[in-house]
Amino acid sequence: MTESVAGRVIGVAIAVPAPFGPQLEAWRRRFGDPQADVIPAHVTLLPPTTIDADLLPEVEDHLGAVAETATSFAIRLHGTGTFRPVSPVVFAALAEGIAPCEQLEARVRAGVLWRPVHFPYHPHVTVAHDVPEDVLDQARDALDPFSARFTVDGFALYEHTGGVWVTRREFRFGGVGGR
């Protein structure tokens, strides 16, 4: 990926649907996470990546091809985890759906979207980030009993615009939908 004046910051993620996404976003707000109102609850498939704007059609074609051959799967969130001491993050842990997320991530982060990784991929839903240690502990304890199950039938391409992440296009598995 190249940095340029015409660059766009994109990401690819699985949105956590209602009612679970809004619940996790409300918790994130309560913990005082500065990103609570600009990042919807999600499982990342491609972290923030700067691309040249003229690559967007190729990126969308690539993501469409990935989605075309993917099939629905379940994600079950249960309990919490943390990336401390490496990163000040507490997250809702995936108890089911890890392997399909890993397979999707590898397929998304290929071709036009290939980029090196600095850490092994670990699917999760962030619930607290860049808050004091005692608040991270509170988040871990408060959400440890949290549990949710939902079906994943697609993912979205997000763009960082005006300080927030907005959905640029959704991709449904098996070529269904997409806008």
Protein backbone atom coordinates (compact mmCIF):
# COMPACT_ATOMS: atom_id res chain seq x y z
CA MET A 1 0.00 0.00 0.00
CA THR A 2 1.26 3.44 -0.74
CA GLU A 3 0.74 6.67 1.10
CA SER A 4 -0.29 9.55 -1.13
CA VAL A 5 -2.21 12.79 -1.15
CA ALA A 6 -5.02 10.93 -2.96
CA GLY A 7 -4.90 8.12 -0.40
CA ARG A 8 -7.95 6.68 1.29
CA VAL A 9 -7.94 4.90 4.63
CA ILE A 10 -10.04 1.76 4.45
CA GLY A 11 -10.75 -1.26 6.60
CA VAL A 12 -12.73 -4.47 6.16
CA ALA A 13 -14.79 -5.92 8.98
CA ILE A 14 -17.71 -8.05 10.06
CA ALA A 15 -20.26 -5.83 11.79
CA VAL A 16 -21.69 -7.09 15.07
CA PRO A 17 -25.46 -6.92 14.49
CA ALA A 18 -28.16 -5.52 16.77
CA PRO A 19 -28.86 -5.92 19.54
CA PHE A 20 -25.30 -7.03 20.39
CA GLY A 21 -23.36 -4.35 18.48
CA PRO A 22 -25.18 -1.42 20.10
CA GLN A 23 -24.83 -3.09 23.52
CA LEU A 24 -21.06 -3.42 23.12
CA GLU A 25 -20.81 0.15 21.78
CA ALA A 26 -22.71 1.42 24.85
CA TRP A 27 -20.31 -0.45 27.13
CA ARG A 28 -17.35 1.02 25.26
CA ARG A 29 -18.83 4.50 25.79
CA ARG A 30 -19.30 3.80 29.53
CA PHE A 31 -15.64 2.83 29.82
CA GLY A 32 -14.68 6.21 28.36
CA ASP A 33 -13.05 4.80 25.25
CA PRO A 34 -12.26 7.80 23.00
CA GLN A 35 -13.18 5.78 19.87
CA ALA A 36 -16.58 4.60 21.18
CA ASP A 37 -18.63 6.89 18.95
CA VAL A 38 -16.57 6.58 15.77
CA ILE A 39 -15.92 2.84 15.49
CA PRO A 40 -18.92 0.48 15.32
CA ALA A 41 -18.64 -2.92 17.05
CA HIS A 42 -16.91 -5.27 14.63
CA VAL A 43 -14.50 -8.13 13.98
CA THR A 44 -11.62 -6.79 11.87
CA LEU A 45 -10.63 -8.59 8.69
CA LEU A 46 -8.30 -5.84 7.40
CA PRO A 47 -7.08 -3.15 9.81
CA PRO A 48 -6.84 0.50 8.75
CA THR A 49 -4.94 0.54 5.47
CA THR A 50 -4.07 3.48 3.25
CA ILE A 51 -4.57 2.86 -0.45
CA ASP A 52 -4.42 5.06 -3.52
CA ALA A 53 -7.94 6.25 -4.33
CA ASP A 54 -7.67 4.91 -7.89
CA LEU A 55 -7.37 1.37 -6.46
CA LEU A 56 -10.86 1.44 -4.92
CA PRO A 57 -12.56 -0.29 -7.90
CA GLU A 58 -9.93 -3.05 -7.83
CA VAL A 59 -10.33 -3.39 -4.05
CA GLU A 60 -14.10 -3.72 -4.41
CA ASP A 61 -13.69 -6.33 -7.18
CA HIS A 62 -11.28 -8.28 -4.95
CA LEU A 63 -13.66 -8.17 -1.97
CA GLY A 64 -16.57 -9.18 -4.19
CA ALA A 65 -14.63 -12.23 -5.35
CA VAL A 66 -13.81 -13.17 -1.75
CA ALA A 67 -17.46 -12.83 -0.71
CA GLU A 68 -18.71 -14.73 -3.77
CA THR A 69 -17.12 -17.98 -2.60
CA ALA A 70 -17.63 -17.56 1.15
CA THR A 71 -20.40 -19.24 3.10
CA SER A 72 -22.31 -18.17 6.19
CA PHE A 73 -21.03 -19.16 9.62
CA ALA A 74 -21.81 -18.50 13.26
CA ILE A 75 -19.90 -16.32 15.66
CA ARG A 76 -20.37 -16.79 19.36
CA LEU A 77 -18.91 -14.16 21.65
CA HIS A 78 -18.30 -15.29 25.18
CA GLY A 79 -16.10 -13.81 27.88
CA THR A 80 -13.30 -11.31 27.55
CA GLY A 81 -9.62 -11.21 26.77
CA THR A 82 -6.85 -8.65 26.58
CA PHE A 83 -3.77 -7.85 24.55
CA ARG A 84 -2.01 -6.35 27.58
CA PRO A 85 0.87 -5.72 28.09
CA VAL A 86 1.49 -5.39 24.33
CA SER A 87 -1.56 -3.20 23.69
CA PRO A 88 -4.04 -1.56 26.12
CA VAL A 89 -7.08 -3.44 24.79
CA VAL A 90 -9.86 -5.50 26.35
CA PHE A 91 -12.11 -7.41 23.99
CA ALA A 92 -15.12 -9.68 23.75
CA ALA A 93 -13.66 -13.07 22.86
CA LEU A 94 -14.80 -15.34 20.05
CA ALA A 95 -15.74 -18.76 21.41
CA GLU A 96 -16.98 -19.90 17.99
CA GLY A 97 -16.20 -18.71 14.47
CA ILE A 98 -12.44 -18.24 14.85
CA ALA A 99 -11.39 -20.50 11.94
CA PRO A 100 -13.83 -18.97 9.41
CA CYS A 101 -12.66 -15.48 10.44
CA GLU A 102 -9.04 -16.54 10.00
CA GLN A 103 -9.79 -17.92 6.54
CA LEU A 104 -11.64 -14.76 5.51
CA GLU A 105 -8.85 -12.53 6.85
CA ALA A 106 -6.25 -14.42 4.81
CA ARG A 107 -8.34 -14.14 1.64
CA VAL A 108 -9.14 -10.44 2.20
CA ARG A 109 -5.49 -9.59 2.95
CA ALA A 110 -4.30 -10.90 -0.41
CA GLY A 111 -3.88 -9.54 -3.93
CA VAL A 112 -4.47 -5.80 -4.07
CA LEU A 113 -4.89 -5.73 -0.26
CA TRP A 114 -1.80 -7.72 0.64
CA ARG A 115 0.13 -6.16 3.48
CA PRO A 116 2.55 -7.52 6.06
CA VAL A 117 1.22 -8.20 9.54
CA HIS A 118 2.92 -7.10 12.72
CA PHE A 119 0.99 -9.45 15.00
CA PRO A 120 -0.74 -12.77 14.36
CA TYR A 121 -4.41 -12.34 13.44
CA HIS A 122 -6.71 -12.78 16.44
CA PRO A 123 -10.41 -12.18 15.76
CA HIS A 124 -12.10 -10.22 18.56
CA VAL A 125 -14.45 -7.30 19.30
CA THR A 126 -12.75 -4.41 21.10
CA VAL A 127 -14.67 -3.11 24.13
CA ALA A 128 -12.04 -0.85 25.71
CA HIS A 129 -8.89 0.70 24.23
CA ASP A 130 -6.55 3.46 25.35
CA VAL A 131 -8.16 3.89 28.75
CA PRO A 132 -6.47 3.68 32.17
CA GLU A 133 -5.41 0.26 33.47
CA ASP A 134 -8.08 0.22 36.19
CA VAL A 135 -10.77 0.89 33.56
CA LEU A 136 -9.39 -1.95 31.44
CA ASP A 137 -9.76 -4.18 34.50
CA GLN A 138 -13.35 -2.97 34.99
CA ALA A 139 -14.14 -3.68 31.33
CA ARG A 140 -12.68 -7.17 31.56
CA ASP A 141 -14.69 -7.97 34.69
CA ALA A 142 -17.95 -6.30 33.64
CA LEU A 143 -18.14 -7.99 30.26
CA ASP A 144 -16.74 -11.38 31.21
CA PRO A 145 -20.28 -12.85 31.48
CA PHE A 146 -21.30 -11.33 28.11
CA SER A 147 -22.45 -13.86 25.54
CA ALA A 148 -23.92 -13.44 22.06
CA ARG A 149 -24.42 -15.60 18.99
CA PHE A 150 -25.10 -14.38 15.46
CA THR A 151 -24.79 -15.55 11.88
CA VAL A 152 -22.27 -13.93 9.59
CA ASP A 153 -23.41 -13.71 5.98
CA GLY A 154 -21.10 -11.00 4.74
CA PHE A 155 -18.65 -8.22 5.58
CA ALA A 156 -18.23 -4.55 4.79
CA LEU A 157 -15.66 -2.21 3.34
CA TYR A 158 -15.32 0.83 5.59
CA GLU A 159 -13.68 4.15 4.85
CA HIS A 160 -12.34 6.59 7.42
CA THR A 161 -14.03 9.85 6.45
CA GLY A 162 -14.48 13.00 8.50
CA GLY A 163 -13.04 11.36 11.62
CA VAL A 164 -15.45 8.39 11.62
CA TRP A 165 -15.65 4.98 9.97
CA VAL A 166 -18.48 4.80 7.44
CA THR A 167 -19.68 1.82 5.43
CA ARG A 168 -18.59 2.21 1.82
CA ARG A 169 -20.02 -1.10 0.58
CA GLU A 170 -21.41 -4.33 1.99
CA PHE A 171 -20.53 -7.71 0.51
CA ARG A 172 -22.87 -10.67 1.03
CA PHE A 173 -21.57 -14.21 0.87
CA GLY A 174 -22.37 -16.17 -2.25
CA GLY A 175 -22.77 -12.97 -4.22
CA VAL A 176 -26.04 -12.08 -2.51
CA GLY A 177 -26.64 -8.36 -2.04
CA GLY A 178 -23.81 -5.86 -2.10
CA ARG A 179 -24.41 -2.16 -2.25
